[in-house]
Amino acid sequence: MRDYKSLAHTRWDCKYHIVFIPKRRRKVIYGNLRKFPEEIFHELARRKNCKILEGHLMSDHIHMCVSISPKYPVSHIASYLKEKCAIEIAKNVKGKQRNFSGEHFWARGYFVSTVGLDEDMVRRYIRDQEKNDANREQYDLDW
């Protein structure tokens, strides 16, 4: 049985696979910065009544499986997560004290796909990112 959520007049189960990349796809998500966005994303999602079901941080991109209420557009949630996370990174990791609105940590766009009935497959794909990336690099070297 699927886990449907409810609003006043709606029953829903809306899950999305979202991917962001840092500006210029730099490999900057490592060390101290690797654990930091995870905590921020979960807190920001809670503020918008969303839930991050699965997530994985690579050095140059982030994959997430997010359950989003139908009252919010996916673009709004993706923009909100990226914007507020960039501000928190500037404040807590880079040590900036003010003028956060100009921070550009993430690239402009994002990838989104509906999960639908393939939720287990998408969550497994996100979980196995390290392995998938290693296989791709091995394939690239075989050329």
Protein backbone atom coordinates (compact mmCIF):
# COMPACT_ATOMS: atom_id res chain seq x y z
CA MET A 1 0.00 0.00 0.00
CA ARG A 2 1.34 3.42 -0.96
CA ASP A 3 1.87 6.04 1.72
CA TYR A 4 -0.51 8.83 0.65
CA LYS A 5 -0.44 12.16 2.45
CA SER A 6 -3.43 14.44 2.95
CA LEU A 7 -4.26 18.10 2.76
CA ALA A 8 -7.71 19.54 3.49
CA HIS A 9 -9.29 18.28 0.24
CA THR A 10 -6.45 16.35 -1.39
CA ARG A 11 -4.73 12.96 -1.08
CA TRP A 12 -1.34 12.96 -2.71
CA ASP A 13 1.95 11.16 -3.26
CA CYS A 14 4.25 13.46 -5.27
CA LYS A 15 7.92 12.52 -5.36
CA TYR A 16 10.64 14.03 -7.51
CA HIS A 17 14.25 13.23 -8.36
CA ILE A 18 16.16 16.55 -8.23
CA VAL A 19 19.82 17.17 -9.14
CA PHE A 20 21.80 20.42 -8.60
CA ILE A 21 25.36 21.26 -9.53
CA PRO A 22 27.70 23.90 -8.07
CA LYS A 23 28.56 26.91 -10.17
CA ARG A 24 30.77 25.87 -13.13
CA ARG A 25 30.43 22.26 -11.90
CA ARG A 26 33.41 22.74 -9.62
CA LYS A 27 34.30 19.82 -7.37
CA VAL A 28 33.75 21.75 -4.14
CA ILE A 29 31.52 19.43 -2.10
CA TYR A 30 34.07 17.66 0.06
CA GLY A 31 35.49 17.73 3.58
CA ASN A 32 33.69 20.14 5.90
CA LEU A 33 31.25 21.10 3.16
CA ARG A 34 30.18 17.51 2.49
CA LYS A 35 28.07 17.03 5.65
CA PHE A 36 26.89 20.62 5.95
CA PRO A 37 24.34 20.78 3.06
CA GLU A 38 22.70 17.54 4.16
CA GLU A 39 21.60 19.06 7.48
CA ILE A 40 20.55 22.30 5.81
CA PHE A 41 18.49 20.61 3.09
CA HIS A 42 16.56 18.51 5.63
CA GLU A 43 15.78 21.58 7.75
CA LEU A 44 14.77 23.69 4.73
CA ALA A 45 12.54 20.90 3.40
CA ARG A 46 10.79 20.65 6.78
CA ARG A 47 10.06 24.39 6.66
CA LYS A 48 8.13 23.86 3.40
CA ASN A 49 6.39 20.66 4.58
CA CYS A 50 8.51 18.58 2.21
CA LYS A 51 10.63 15.56 3.02
CA ILE A 52 13.94 14.45 1.56
CA LEU A 53 13.54 10.69 1.23
CA GLU A 54 16.97 9.93 -0.19
CA GLY A 55 19.99 12.04 -1.01
CA HIS A 56 23.60 11.72 -2.03
CA LEU A 57 26.33 14.33 -2.31
CA MET A 58 29.04 13.88 -4.91
CA SER A 59 31.98 16.26 -5.24
CA ASP A 60 30.33 18.07 -8.16
CA HIS A 61 26.57 17.43 -7.82
CA ILE A 62 23.75 16.50 -5.45
CA HIS A 63 20.96 13.96 -6.04
CA MET A 64 17.78 14.01 -3.95
CA CYS A 65 14.47 12.18 -3.92
CA VAL A 66 12.02 14.68 -2.45
CA SER A 67 8.36 14.37 -1.50
CA ILE A 68 6.75 17.75 -2.28
CA SER A 69 3.22 18.84 -1.43
CA PRO A 70 1.10 19.69 -4.52
CA LYS A 71 0.48 23.16 -3.10
CA TYR A 72 4.10 24.10 -4.00
CA PRO A 73 5.55 24.06 -7.51
CA VAL A 74 8.71 21.96 -7.85
CA SER A 75 10.58 24.97 -9.23
CA HIS A 76 9.75 26.94 -6.08
CA ILE A 77 11.10 24.20 -3.79
CA ALA A 78 14.27 23.65 -5.87
CA SER A 79 14.99 27.40 -5.96
CA TYR A 80 14.25 27.74 -2.25
CA LEU A 81 16.60 24.87 -1.32
CA LYS A 82 19.42 26.17 -3.51
CA GLU A 83 19.07 29.81 -2.42
CA LYS A 84 18.84 29.22 1.33
CA CYS A 85 21.58 26.57 1.28
CA ALA A 86 23.94 28.99 -0.53
CA ILE A 87 23.26 31.62 2.15
CA GLU A 88 23.98 29.14 4.96
CA ILE A 89 27.18 27.96 3.25
CA ALA A 90 28.34 31.58 2.90
CA LYS A 91 27.55 32.31 6.52
CA ASN A 92 28.80 29.13 8.22
CA VAL A 93 31.50 27.70 5.94
CA LYS A 94 32.94 30.70 4.11
CA GLY A 95 32.70 32.97 7.19
CA LYS A 96 30.86 35.88 5.55
CA GLN A 97 29.04 38.12 8.00
CA ARG A 98 26.51 39.93 5.77
CA ASN A 99 25.34 40.68 2.22
CA PHE A 100 24.28 37.09 1.58
CA SER A 101 21.78 37.82 -1.18
CA GLY A 102 24.53 37.94 -3.80
CA GLU A 103 25.88 34.47 -3.06
CA HIS A 104 26.03 32.17 -6.08
CA PHE A 105 27.16 28.73 -4.95
CA TRP A 106 24.83 26.69 -7.20
CA ALA A 107 24.50 26.86 -10.98
CA ARG A 108 21.29 28.38 -12.33
CA GLY A 109 19.37 25.31 -13.44
CA TYR A 110 18.53 21.93 -12.02
CA PHE A 111 17.32 18.56 -13.23
CA VAL A 112 13.94 17.24 -12.11
CA SER A 113 12.06 14.06 -12.92
CA THR A 114 8.89 12.62 -11.45
CA VAL A 115 9.48 9.42 -9.57
CA GLY A 116 6.08 7.78 -10.05
CA LEU A 117 5.92 4.05 -9.42
CA ASP A 118 9.69 3.62 -9.88
CA GLU A 119 10.52 5.06 -6.46
CA ASP A 120 12.61 2.08 -5.33
CA MET A 121 14.68 2.18 -8.52
CA VAL A 122 15.29 5.95 -8.22
CA ARG A 123 16.22 5.69 -4.54
CA ARG A 124 18.64 2.83 -5.31
CA TYR A 125 20.19 4.91 -8.13
CA ILE A 126 20.72 7.85 -5.76
CA ARG A 127 22.16 5.59 -3.04
CA ASP A 128 24.62 3.97 -5.48
CA GLN A 129 26.00 7.20 -6.96
CA GLU A 130 29.61 6.48 -5.93
CA LYS A 131 29.47 3.09 -7.63
CA ASN A 132 27.75 4.48 -10.74
CA ASP A 133 30.32 7.27 -11.02
CA ALA A 134 33.23 4.81 -10.71
CA ASN A 135 31.73 2.59 -13.43
CA ARG A 136 31.31 5.60 -15.72
CA GLU A 137 34.92 6.71 -15.17
CA GLN A 138 36.15 3.17 -15.90
CA TYR A 139 34.08 3.14 -19.09
CA ASP A 140 35.51 6.54 -20.12
CA LEU A 141 39.06 5.24 -19.60
CA ASP A 142 38.43 2.24 -21.86
CA TRP A 143 37.96 4.42 -24.93
